[in-house]
Protein backbone atom coordinates (compact mmCIF):
# COMPACT_ATOMS: atom_id res chain seq x y z
CA UNK A 1 121.69 80.83 110.04
CA UNK A 2 119.37 78.03 109.47
CA UNK A 3 116.09 79.57 109.99
CA UNK A 4 113.98 82.43 108.48
CA UNK A 5 111.88 83.55 111.52
CA UNK A 6 108.64 84.96 110.39
CA UNK A 7 106.37 87.52 112.35
CA UNK A 8 104.60 84.81 114.01
CA UNK A 9 108.26 83.37 115.12
CA UNK A 10 109.66 86.80 116.07
CA UNK A 11 106.59 87.40 118.52
CA UNK A 12 106.79 84.08 120.03
CA UNK A 13 110.70 84.56 120.77
CA UNK A 14 109.80 88.06 122.33
CA UNK A 15 106.94 86.40 124.32
CA UNK A 16 109.43 83.47 125.45
CA UNK A 17 107.20 80.70 124.23
CA UNK A 18 108.88 77.72 125.77
CA UNK A 19 108.22 76.04 122.54
CA UNK A 20 110.62 78.56 120.73
CA UNK A 21 113.15 78.34 123.55
CA UNK A 22 115.43 76.18 121.41
CA UNK A 23 115.40 78.81 118.73
CA UNK A 24 116.19 81.66 120.80
CA UNK A 25 120.11 81.22 120.42
CA UNK A 26 119.80 80.89 116.52
CA UNK A 27 120.95 83.74 114.48
CA UNK A 28 117.84 85.44 113.14
CA UNK A 29 117.10 86.24 109.15
CA UNK A 30 113.99 87.83 108.48
CA UNK A 31 112.65 90.44 105.97
CA UNK A 32 112.06 94.13 106.29
CA UNK A 33 108.51 93.28 105.64
CA UNK A 34 108.36 90.90 108.56
CA UNK A 35 110.11 93.73 110.46
CA UNK A 36 107.49 96.20 109.81
CA UNK A 37 104.71 93.76 110.81
CA UNK A 38 106.49 92.98 114.17
CA UNK A 39 106.98 96.86 114.62
CA UNK A 40 103.23 97.51 113.95
CA UNK A 41 101.82 94.84 116.03
CA UNK A 42 104.40 95.85 118.94
CA UNK A 43 103.10 99.52 118.56
CA UNK A 44 99.59 98.41 118.81
CA UNK A 45 100.01 96.44 121.66
CA UNK A 46 102.88 97.58 123.93
CA UNK A 47 103.65 101.05 122.63
CA UNK A 48 106.20 103.12 120.59
CA UNK A 49 109.20 102.48 123.20
CA UNK A 50 108.87 98.53 123.00
CA UNK A 51 108.30 98.70 119.27
CA UNK A 52 111.41 100.69 118.55
CA UNK A 53 113.79 98.54 121.04
CA UNK A 54 112.70 95.30 119.09
CA UNK A 55 112.78 96.98 115.60
CA UNK A 56 116.45 98.00 116.39
CA UNK A 57 117.32 94.74 117.77
CA UNK A 58 116.27 93.06 114.53
CA UNK A 59 116.94 95.59 111.89
CA UNK A 60 120.33 94.00 110.93
CA UNK A 61 119.06 90.45 110.93
CA UNK A 62 117.13 91.22 107.48
CA UNK A 63 117.74 89.56 104.17
CA UNK A 64 117.13 91.06 100.81
CA UNK A 65 113.76 91.07 98.99
CA UNK A 66 114.14 91.45 95.19
CA UNK A 67 111.66 91.15 92.49
CA UNK A 68 112.25 87.61 91.85
CA UNK A 69 111.45 86.78 95.60
CA UNK A 70 108.19 88.71 95.56
CA UNK A 71 107.25 86.72 92.04
CA UNK A 72 108.24 83.40 93.84
CA UNK A 73 105.96 84.47 96.75
CA UNK A 74 103.33 85.16 94.71
CA UNK A 75 103.78 82.15 92.52
CA UNK A 76 103.46 80.17 95.91
CA UNK A 77 100.22 82.23 97.00
CA UNK A 78 98.73 81.36 93.71
CA UNK A 79 99.47 77.66 93.94
CA UNK A 80 97.93 77.78 97.66
CA UNK A 81 95.07 80.02 97.06
CA UNK A 82 92.54 77.88 99.05
CA UNK A 83 94.68 78.77 102.05
CA UNK A 84 94.63 82.18 103.77
CA UNK A 85 98.57 83.10 103.27
CA UNK A 86 99.08 86.75 103.23
CA UNK A 87 101.58 88.57 101.21
CA UNK A 88 103.99 88.84 103.83
CA UNK A 89 104.01 85.20 104.71
CA UNK A 90 104.39 84.40 101.06
CA UNK A 91 107.30 86.79 100.33
CA UNK A 92 109.18 85.53 103.54
CA UNK A 93 108.56 81.94 102.38
CA UNK A 94 110.06 82.37 99.09
CA UNK A 95 113.04 84.28 100.67
CA UNK A 96 113.50 81.52 103.16
CA UNK A 97 113.63 79.16 100.20
CA UNK A 98 115.95 81.36 98.22
CA UNK A 99 118.42 81.33 101.02
CA UNK A 100 118.03 77.66 101.99
CA UNK A 101 116.42 78.28 105.27
CA UNK A 102 113.68 76.68 106.99
CA UNK A 103 110.65 78.84 107.37
CA UNK A 104 110.03 79.12 111.02
CA UNK A 105 106.30 79.84 112.09
CA UNK A 106 103.36 78.51 114.36
CA UNK A 107 100.96 79.95 111.48
CA UNK A 108 98.55 76.93 111.00
CA UNK A 109 98.18 77.36 107.12
CA UNK A 110 101.94 76.62 106.90
CA UNK A 111 101.50 73.08 108.69
CA UNK A 112 102.92 70.31 106.42
CA UNK A 113 104.31 72.44 103.89
CA UNK A 114 107.91 71.52 102.81
CA UNK A 115 110.83 73.74 104.10
CA UNK A 116 108.63 74.74 106.93
CA UNK A 117 109.44 74.29 110.74
CA UNK A 118 106.16 74.44 112.19
CA UNK A 119 105.84 75.07 115.98
CA UNK A 120 102.93 76.05 117.69
């Protein structure tokens, strides 16, 4: 396991973005929060059947989120308050750092941040 897949990355894997092709065989690590975002986005855009399919596919790929991870994520959000990071993104970034994983995303706000594999 090398990467923490944020919601953006999961959508790109599902959508078969060629830029994410090299990550498609990596073991996926994400959080239940990201899984929730993914489920909602798929539910909204593709319906319940598709949302449930991908939720079930990734549900065993989650890493734990505890109080310290949330606090560390909010510290990161505060330190970068000029950027428009979401709660889920900041907690995911903290979880990635806690588990020595690269945070895989295409979210523009994360470009140039240490520990981030930025792929558009």
